[in-house]
C-alpha atoms as a PDB file:
ATOM      1  CA  UNK A   1      71.268 119.198 109.263  1.00  0.00           C
ATOM      2  CA  UNK A   2      74.761 119.820 110.605  1.00  0.00           C
ATOM      3  CA  UNK A   3      77.348 117.065 110.501  1.00  0.00           C
ATOM      4  CA  UNK A   4      80.396 116.926 112.753  1.00  0.00           C
ATOM      5  CA  UNK A   5      83.319 116.459 110.357  1.00  0.00           C
ATOM      6  CA  UNK A   6      86.458 117.253 112.369  1.00  0.00           C
ATOM      7  CA  UNK A   7      87.550 117.344 115.994  1.00  0.00           C
ATOM      8  CA  UNK A   8      90.741 119.307 116.707  1.00  0.00           C
ATOM      9  CA  UNK A   9      92.809 118.401 119.752  1.00  0.00           C
ATOM     10  CA  UNK A  10      95.573 120.675 121.042  1.00  0.00           C
ATOM     11  CA  UNK A  11      98.524 118.768 122.489  1.00  0.00           C
ATOM     12  CA  UNK A  12     102.281 118.753 123.081  1.00  0.00           C
ATOM     13  CA  UNK A  13     103.159 115.716 120.910  1.00  0.00           C
ATOM     14  CA  UNK A  14     100.602 115.085 118.142  1.00  0.00           C
ATOM     15  CA  UNK A  15     102.185 111.946 116.638  1.00  0.00           C
ATOM     16  CA  UNK A  16     102.170 109.871 119.821  1.00  0.00           C
ATOM     17  CA  UNK A  17      98.674 110.982 120.830  1.00  0.00           C
ATOM     18  CA  UNK A  18      97.361 110.269 117.318  1.00  0.00           C
ATOM     19  CA  UNK A  19      98.881 106.760 117.407  1.00  0.00           C
ATOM     20  CA  UNK A  20      97.233 106.113 120.775  1.00  0.00           C
ATOM     21  CA  UNK A  21      93.752 107.129 119.591  1.00  0.00           C
ATOM     22  CA  UNK A  22      94.128 105.321 116.265  1.00  0.00           C
ATOM     23  CA  UNK A  23      94.881 102.134 118.229  1.00  0.00           C
ATOM     24  CA  UNK A  24      92.080 102.621 120.767  1.00  0.00           C
ATOM     25  CA  UNK A  25      89.243 103.557 118.404  1.00  0.00           C
ATOM     26  CA  UNK A  26      87.825 100.931 116.046  1.00  0.00           C
ATOM     27  CA  UNK A  27      88.138 101.722 112.329  1.00  0.00           C
ATOM     28  CA  UNK A  28      90.436 104.729 112.908  1.00  0.00           C
ATOM     29  CA  UNK A  29      93.938 104.997 111.444  1.00  0.00           C
ATOM     30  CA  UNK A  30      96.556 107.677 110.932  1.00  0.00           C
ATOM     31  CA  UNK A  31      96.156 109.183 107.481  1.00  0.00           C
ATOM     32  CA  UNK A  32      98.977 108.102 105.180  1.00  0.00           C
ATOM     33  CA  UNK A  33     101.568 110.679 104.154  1.00  0.00           C
ATOM     34  CA  UNK A  34     101.892 111.286 100.423  1.00  0.00           C
ATOM     35  CA  UNK A  35     105.001 112.627  98.706  1.00  0.00           C
ATOM     36  CA  UNK A  36     103.638 116.191  98.592  1.00  0.00           C
ATOM     37  CA  UNK A  37     103.011 116.231 102.345  1.00  0.00           C
ATOM     38  CA  UNK A  38     106.465 114.806 103.093  1.00  0.00           C
ATOM     39  CA  UNK A  39     108.000 117.479 100.829  1.00  0.00           C
ATOM     40  CA  UNK A  40     105.960 120.206 102.587  1.00  0.00           C
ATOM     41  CA  UNK A  41     107.196 119.034 105.984  1.00  0.00           C
ATOM     42  CA  UNK A  42     110.789 118.830 104.723  1.00  0.00           C
ATOM     43  CA  UNK A  43     110.527 122.435 103.513  1.00  0.00           C
ATOM     44  CA  UNK A  44     109.608 123.339 107.106  1.00  0.00           C
ATOM     45  CA  UNK A  45     112.687 121.477 108.359  1.00  0.00           C
ATOM     46  CA  UNK A  46     110.747 118.453 109.622  1.00  0.00           C
ATOM     47  CA  UNK A  47     112.422 115.230 108.516  1.00  0.00           C
ATOM     48  CA  UNK A  48     110.994 112.850 111.137  1.00  0.00           C
ATOM     49  CA  UNK A  49     107.220 112.259 110.870  1.00  0.00           C
ATOM     50  CA  UNK A  50     107.138 111.941 114.672  1.00  0.00           C
ATOM     51  CA  UNK A  51     107.807 115.697 114.750  1.00  0.00           C
ATOM     52  CA  UNK A  52     104.845 116.556 112.510  1.00  0.00           C
ATOM     53  CA  UNK A  53     102.970 119.430 114.218  1.00  0.00           C
ATOM     54  CA  UNK A  54      99.595 118.305 112.813  1.00  0.00           C
ATOM     55  CA  UNK A  55      98.543 114.669 112.498  1.00  0.00           C
ATOM     56  CA  UNK A  56      95.269 113.482 110.993  1.00  0.00           C
ATOM     57  CA  UNK A  57      93.448 110.349 112.176  1.00  0.00           C
ATOM     58  CA  UNK A  58      90.688 109.173 109.840  1.00  0.00           C
ATOM     59  CA  UNK A  59      87.843 106.693 110.132  1.00  0.00           C
ATOM     60  CA  UNK A  60      85.680 104.767 107.703  1.00  0.00           C
ATOM     61  CA  UNK A  61      82.725 106.644 109.192  1.00  0.00           C
ATOM     62  CA  UNK A  62      82.676 109.375 111.766  1.00  0.00           C
ATOM     63  CA  UNK A  63      84.562 112.595 112.383  1.00  0.00           C
ATOM     64  CA  UNK A  64      88.236 113.000 111.585  1.00  0.00           C
ATOM     65  CA  UNK A  65      90.591 113.744 114.474  1.00  0.00           C
ATOM     66  CA  UNK A  66      93.222 116.447 114.003  1.00  0.00           C
ATOM     67  CA  UNK A  67      96.001 116.559 116.575  1.00  0.00           C
ATOM     68  CA  UNK A  68      97.929 119.830 116.548  1.00  0.00           C
ATOM     69  CA  UNK A  69     100.938 120.949 118.497  1.00  0.00           C
ATOM     70  CA  UNK A  70     100.521 124.021 120.681  1.00  0.00           C
ATOM     71  CA  UNK A  71     103.272 125.767 122.657  1.00  0.00           C
ATOM     72  CA  UNK A  72     101.313 126.306 125.843  1.00  0.00           C
ATOM     73  CA  UNK A  73     100.901 123.633 128.483  1.00  0.00           C
ATOM     74  CA  UNK A  74      97.594 122.203 129.646  1.00  0.00           C
ATOM     75  CA  UNK A  75      95.500 124.552 131.759  1.00  0.00           C
ATOM     76  CA  UNK A  76      92.434 124.024 133.895  1.00  0.00           C
ATOM     77  CA  UNK A  77      89.591 126.293 134.937  1.00  0.00           C
END
């Protein structure tokens, strides 16, 4: 049986969108940053976590939400 583990959402500003969905959805929160992740971001020149190009929102149960920055704007069919 397949289990949905992750949902990836392309967006322009991952941190603000992740905060919104973490606040709206019960039992979801932004995954905490450990020292290794902060060091990895610093090596990429990212010193403000609001500029993180990929933000993870986790839940007690249910799929994780990955918000990732993409350069292109929203498009419609």
